[in-house]
Amino acid sequence: MHLSGLLYLKILKLDQNRIKTTGKQLFQNMKNLEVIDLRYNSLSIFHEDVFAETNVVRILRLDHNDIRVIAKSAFSRLRQLEVFNSKF
């Protein structure tokens, strides 16, 4: 999946899409992204660079996934994160 051309997108809803992996730099060049909804997928791994260029994310919905591995610095750049729902 490649989403890097969505430069001005603020809300991204990818819930219920059977997504299995985020890939490195999935949200590349999405500097205005504030809300990411990845609920009800099959995510199991979060790479360390997945949120490298999305540091204004305020809401991240991850509930109802099968997350088993999270890279140590996967969420370290999300300094404005207010809501982090993580019912895996």
N, C-alpha and C. Protein backbone atom coordinates (compact mmCIF):
# COMPACT_ATOMS: atom_id res chain seq x y z
N MET A 1 0.84 -1.17 0.00
CA MET A 1 0.00 0.00 0.00
C MET A 1 0.89 1.23 0.00
N HIS A 2 0.56 2.21 -0.83
CA HIS A 2 1.36 3.42 -0.95
C HIS A 2 0.43 4.63 -0.86
N LEU A 3 0.60 5.46 0.15
CA LEU A 3 -0.28 6.60 0.38
C LEU A 3 0.45 7.93 0.34
N SER A 4 1.68 7.97 -0.11
CA SER A 4 2.52 9.16 0.04
C SER A 4 2.05 10.38 -0.74
N GLY A 5 1.15 10.26 -1.69
CA GLY A 5 0.71 11.42 -2.46
C GLY A 5 -0.40 12.23 -1.81
N LEU A 6 -0.84 11.84 -0.65
CA LEU A 6 -1.95 12.52 0.03
C LEU A 6 -1.41 13.57 1.00
N LEU A 7 -0.79 14.59 0.46
CA LEU A 7 -0.07 15.58 1.26
C LEU A 7 -0.92 16.36 2.25
N TYR A 8 -2.15 16.67 1.92
CA TYR A 8 -2.97 17.54 2.76
C TYR A 8 -4.05 16.80 3.54
N LEU A 9 -4.03 15.50 3.48
CA LEU A 9 -5.02 14.68 4.17
C LEU A 9 -4.88 14.84 5.68
N LYS A 10 -6.00 15.04 6.39
CA LYS A 10 -5.97 15.18 7.84
C LYS A 10 -6.54 13.97 8.56
N ILE A 11 -7.51 13.29 7.94
CA ILE A 11 -8.16 12.13 8.56
C ILE A 11 -8.06 10.96 7.60
N LEU A 12 -7.54 9.84 8.09
CA LEU A 12 -7.40 8.63 7.27
C LEU A 12 -8.09 7.47 7.97
N LYS A 13 -9.15 6.97 7.35
CA LYS A 13 -9.90 5.83 7.91
C LYS A 13 -9.62 4.60 7.06
N LEU A 14 -8.89 3.66 7.64
CA LEU A 14 -8.58 2.40 6.97
C LEU A 14 -9.09 1.22 7.79
N ASP A 15 -10.13 1.47 8.56
CA ASP A 15 -10.68 0.40 9.40
C ASP A 15 -11.38 -0.66 8.55
N GLN A 16 -11.35 -1.89 9.03
CA GLN A 16 -12.02 -3.04 8.42
C GLN A 16 -11.56 -3.29 6.98
N ASN A 17 -10.24 -3.31 6.78
CA ASN A 17 -9.68 -3.54 5.44
C ASN A 17 -8.75 -4.74 5.35
N ARG A 18 -8.68 -5.53 6.39
CA ARG A 18 -7.82 -6.72 6.42
C ARG A 18 -6.35 -6.40 6.19
N ILE A 19 -5.91 -5.23 6.64
CA ILE A 19 -4.51 -4.83 6.51
C ILE A 19 -3.68 -5.66 7.48
N LYS A 20 -2.59 -6.25 6.98
CA LYS A 20 -1.76 -7.12 7.80
C LYS A 20 -0.49 -6.46 8.28
N THR A 21 0.04 -5.51 7.53
CA THR A 21 1.29 -4.85 7.91
C THR A 21 1.24 -3.38 7.51
N THR A 22 1.96 -2.56 8.25
CA THR A 22 1.99 -1.14 7.94
C THR A 22 3.09 -0.81 6.95
N GLY A 23 4.11 -1.62 6.89
CA GLY A 23 5.24 -1.32 6.03
C GLY A 23 6.01 -0.14 6.56
N LYS A 24 7.23 -0.02 6.18
CA LYS A 24 8.05 1.11 6.62
C LYS A 24 7.64 2.33 5.82
N GLN A 25 7.45 3.43 6.49
CA GLN A 25 7.11 4.71 5.88
C GLN A 25 5.78 4.69 5.13
N LEU A 26 4.80 3.98 5.64
CA LEU A 26 3.48 3.92 5.01
C LEU A 26 2.87 5.30 4.84
N PHE A 27 3.05 6.16 5.82
CA PHE A 27 2.44 7.48 5.79
C PHE A 27 3.44 8.57 5.38
N GLN A 28 4.39 8.22 4.55
CA GLN A 28 5.44 9.14 4.10
C GLN A 28 4.85 10.37 3.43
N ASN A 29 5.38 11.54 3.77
CA ASN A 29 4.96 12.84 3.22
C ASN A 29 3.55 13.27 3.63
N MET A 30 2.96 12.62 4.61
CA MET A 30 1.62 12.99 5.07
C MET A 30 1.75 13.83 6.34
N LYS A 31 2.33 14.99 6.19
CA LYS A 31 2.69 15.85 7.32
C LYS A 31 1.50 16.48 8.03
N ASN A 32 0.32 16.47 7.42
CA ASN A 32 -0.86 17.10 8.03
C ASN A 32 -1.82 16.08 8.65
N LEU A 33 -1.46 14.83 8.62
CA LEU A 33 -2.33 13.76 9.11
C LEU A 33 -2.52 13.86 10.62
N GLU A 34 -3.76 14.03 11.07
CA GLU A 34 -4.07 14.18 12.49
C GLU A 34 -4.78 12.98 13.09
N VAL A 35 -5.54 12.25 12.27
CA VAL A 35 -6.33 11.12 12.77
C VAL A 35 -6.06 9.91 11.87
N ILE A 36 -5.69 8.78 12.50
CA ILE A 36 -5.48 7.53 11.77
C ILE A 36 -6.34 6.46 12.43
N ASP A 37 -7.23 5.88 11.65
CA ASP A 37 -8.12 4.82 12.15
C ASP A 37 -7.76 3.51 11.46
N LEU A 38 -7.13 2.62 12.20
CA LEU A 38 -6.73 1.30 11.69
C LEU A 38 -7.44 0.17 12.44
N ARG A 39 -8.59 0.46 13.00
CA ARG A 39 -9.33 -0.55 13.77
C ARG A 39 -9.78 -1.71 12.88
N TYR A 40 -9.98 -2.84 13.53
CA TYR A 40 -10.54 -4.03 12.89
C TYR A 40 -9.78 -4.45 11.63
N ASN A 41 -8.47 -4.55 11.76
CA ASN A 41 -7.64 -5.08 10.70
C ASN A 41 -6.90 -6.30 11.23
N SER A 42 -5.86 -6.71 10.57
CA SER A 42 -5.05 -7.85 11.01
C SER A 42 -3.61 -7.44 11.23
N LEU A 43 -3.42 -6.23 11.72
CA LEU A 43 -2.07 -5.72 11.94
C LEU A 43 -1.35 -6.52 13.01
N SER A 44 -0.09 -6.85 12.75
CA SER A 44 0.68 -7.59 13.74
C SER A 44 2.04 -6.95 14.04
N ILE A 45 2.53 -6.08 13.13
CA ILE A 45 3.86 -5.48 13.30
C ILE A 45 3.80 -3.99 12.99
N PHE A 46 4.47 -3.19 13.83
CA PHE A 46 4.65 -1.77 13.56
C PHE A 46 6.15 -1.51 13.45
N HIS A 47 6.60 -1.13 12.27
CA HIS A 47 8.02 -0.84 12.04
C HIS A 47 8.37 0.52 12.64
N GLU A 48 9.64 0.75 12.88
CA GLU A 48 10.05 1.99 13.55
C GLU A 48 9.86 3.23 12.71
N ASP A 49 9.85 3.15 11.41
CA ASP A 49 9.72 4.33 10.55
C ASP A 49 8.31 4.59 10.05
N VAL A 50 7.34 3.84 10.49
CA VAL A 50 5.99 3.96 9.94
C VAL A 50 5.39 5.35 10.16
N PHE A 51 5.69 6.00 11.26
CA PHE A 51 5.16 7.34 11.54
C PHE A 51 6.25 8.42 11.46
N ALA A 52 7.29 8.17 10.69
CA ALA A 52 8.45 9.07 10.63
C ALA A 52 8.09 10.50 10.21
N GLU A 53 7.11 10.66 9.35
CA GLU A 53 6.79 12.00 8.84
C GLU A 53 5.38 12.45 9.21
N THR A 54 4.80 11.85 10.22
CA THR A 54 3.43 12.19 10.62
C THR A 54 3.41 12.61 12.08
N ASN A 55 4.20 13.59 12.44
CA ASN A 55 4.34 13.93 13.85
C ASN A 55 3.22 14.80 14.41
N VAL A 56 2.16 15.10 13.66
CA VAL A 56 1.04 15.87 14.20
C VAL A 56 -0.18 14.99 14.49
N VAL A 57 -0.02 13.69 14.42
CA VAL A 57 -1.13 12.77 14.70
C VAL A 57 -1.59 12.97 16.14
N ARG A 58 -2.89 13.20 16.31
CA ARG A 58 -3.48 13.37 17.64
C ARG A 58 -4.25 12.14 18.07
N ILE A 59 -4.86 11.44 17.10
CA ILE A 59 -5.70 10.29 17.42
C ILE A 59 -5.24 9.10 16.59
N LEU A 60 -4.95 8.00 17.26
CA LEU A 60 -4.53 6.76 16.61
C LEU A 60 -5.38 5.63 17.14
N ARG A 61 -6.20 5.04 16.28
CA ARG A 61 -7.10 3.95 16.69
C ARG A 61 -6.54 2.63 16.18
N LEU A 62 -6.21 1.74 17.09
CA LEU A 62 -5.62 0.45 16.73
C LEU A 62 -6.39 -0.73 17.31
N ASP A 63 -7.51 -0.49 17.95
CA ASP A 63 -8.21 -1.58 18.61
C ASP A 63 -8.67 -2.65 17.62
N HIS A 64 -8.75 -3.85 18.13
CA HIS A 64 -9.18 -5.03 17.38
C HIS A 64 -8.23 -5.38 16.24
N ASN A 65 -6.95 -5.47 16.59
CA ASN A 65 -5.90 -5.97 15.71
C ASN A 65 -5.16 -7.07 16.45
N ASP A 66 -4.18 -7.65 15.83
CA ASP A 66 -3.41 -8.73 16.44
C ASP A 66 -1.94 -8.31 16.54
N ILE A 67 -1.71 -7.15 17.14
CA ILE A 67 -0.37 -6.59 17.19
C ILE A 67 0.51 -7.39 18.15
N ARG A 68 1.63 -7.85 17.62
CA ARG A 68 2.56 -8.67 18.39
C ARG A 68 3.94 -8.03 18.52
N VAL A 69 4.31 -7.20 17.55
CA VAL A 69 5.64 -6.58 17.56
C VAL A 69 5.49 -5.09 17.28
N ILE A 70 6.07 -4.28 18.18
CA ILE A 70 6.11 -2.83 17.98
C ILE A 70 7.56 -2.41 18.13
N ALA A 71 8.11 -1.84 17.08
CA ALA A 71 9.50 -1.38 17.15
C ALA A 71 9.64 -0.36 18.27
N LYS A 72 10.78 -0.34 18.89
CA LYS A 72 11.03 0.48 20.07
C LYS A 72 10.65 1.95 19.86
N SER A 73 10.94 2.49 18.70
CA SER A 73 10.69 3.91 18.46
C SER A 73 9.51 4.15 17.51
N ALA A 74 8.64 3.19 17.34
CA ALA A 74 7.53 3.32 16.39
C ALA A 74 6.66 4.54 16.63
N PHE A 75 6.38 4.85 17.87
CA PHE A 75 5.47 5.95 18.18
C PHE A 75 6.19 7.16 18.79
N SER A 76 7.50 7.16 18.82
CA SER A 76 8.26 8.20 19.51
C SER A 76 8.10 9.59 18.89
N ARG A 77 7.79 9.68 17.62
CA ARG A 77 7.63 10.99 16.97
C ARG A 77 6.23 11.55 17.09
N LEU A 78 5.32 10.78 17.63
CA LEU A 78 3.93 11.23 17.78
C LEU A 78 3.78 12.00 19.08
N ARG A 79 4.35 13.17 19.15
CA ARG A 79 4.40 13.95 20.39
C ARG A 79 3.08 14.62 20.75
N GLN A 80 2.15 14.72 19.81
CA GLN A 80 0.86 15.36 20.07
C GLN A 80 -0.25 14.33 20.26
N LEU A 81 0.10 13.08 20.37
CA LEU A 81 -0.88 12.02 20.48
C LEU A 81 -1.72 12.18 21.74
N GLU A 82 -3.05 12.29 21.56
CA GLU A 82 -3.98 12.47 22.66
C GLU A 82 -4.76 11.20 22.95
N VAL A 83 -5.19 10.53 21.90
CA VAL A 83 -5.99 9.32 22.05
C VAL A 83 -5.26 8.18 21.37
N PHE A 84 -4.97 7.18 22.16
CA PHE A 84 -4.29 5.98 21.64
C PHE A 84 -5.08 4.80 22.12
N ASN A 85 -5.96 4.28 21.30
CA ASN A 85 -6.80 3.16 21.68
C ASN A 85 -6.10 1.89 21.27
N SER A 86 -5.83 1.02 22.22
CA SER A 86 -5.00 -0.15 21.93
C SER A 86 -5.57 -1.45 22.48
N LYS A 87 -6.81 -1.72 22.25
CA LYS A 87 -7.38 -3.01 22.65
C LYS A 87 -7.05 -4.02 21.57
N PHE A 88 -5.90 -4.69 21.71
CA PHE A 88 -5.45 -5.63 20.67
C PHE A 88 -6.20 -6.93 20.78
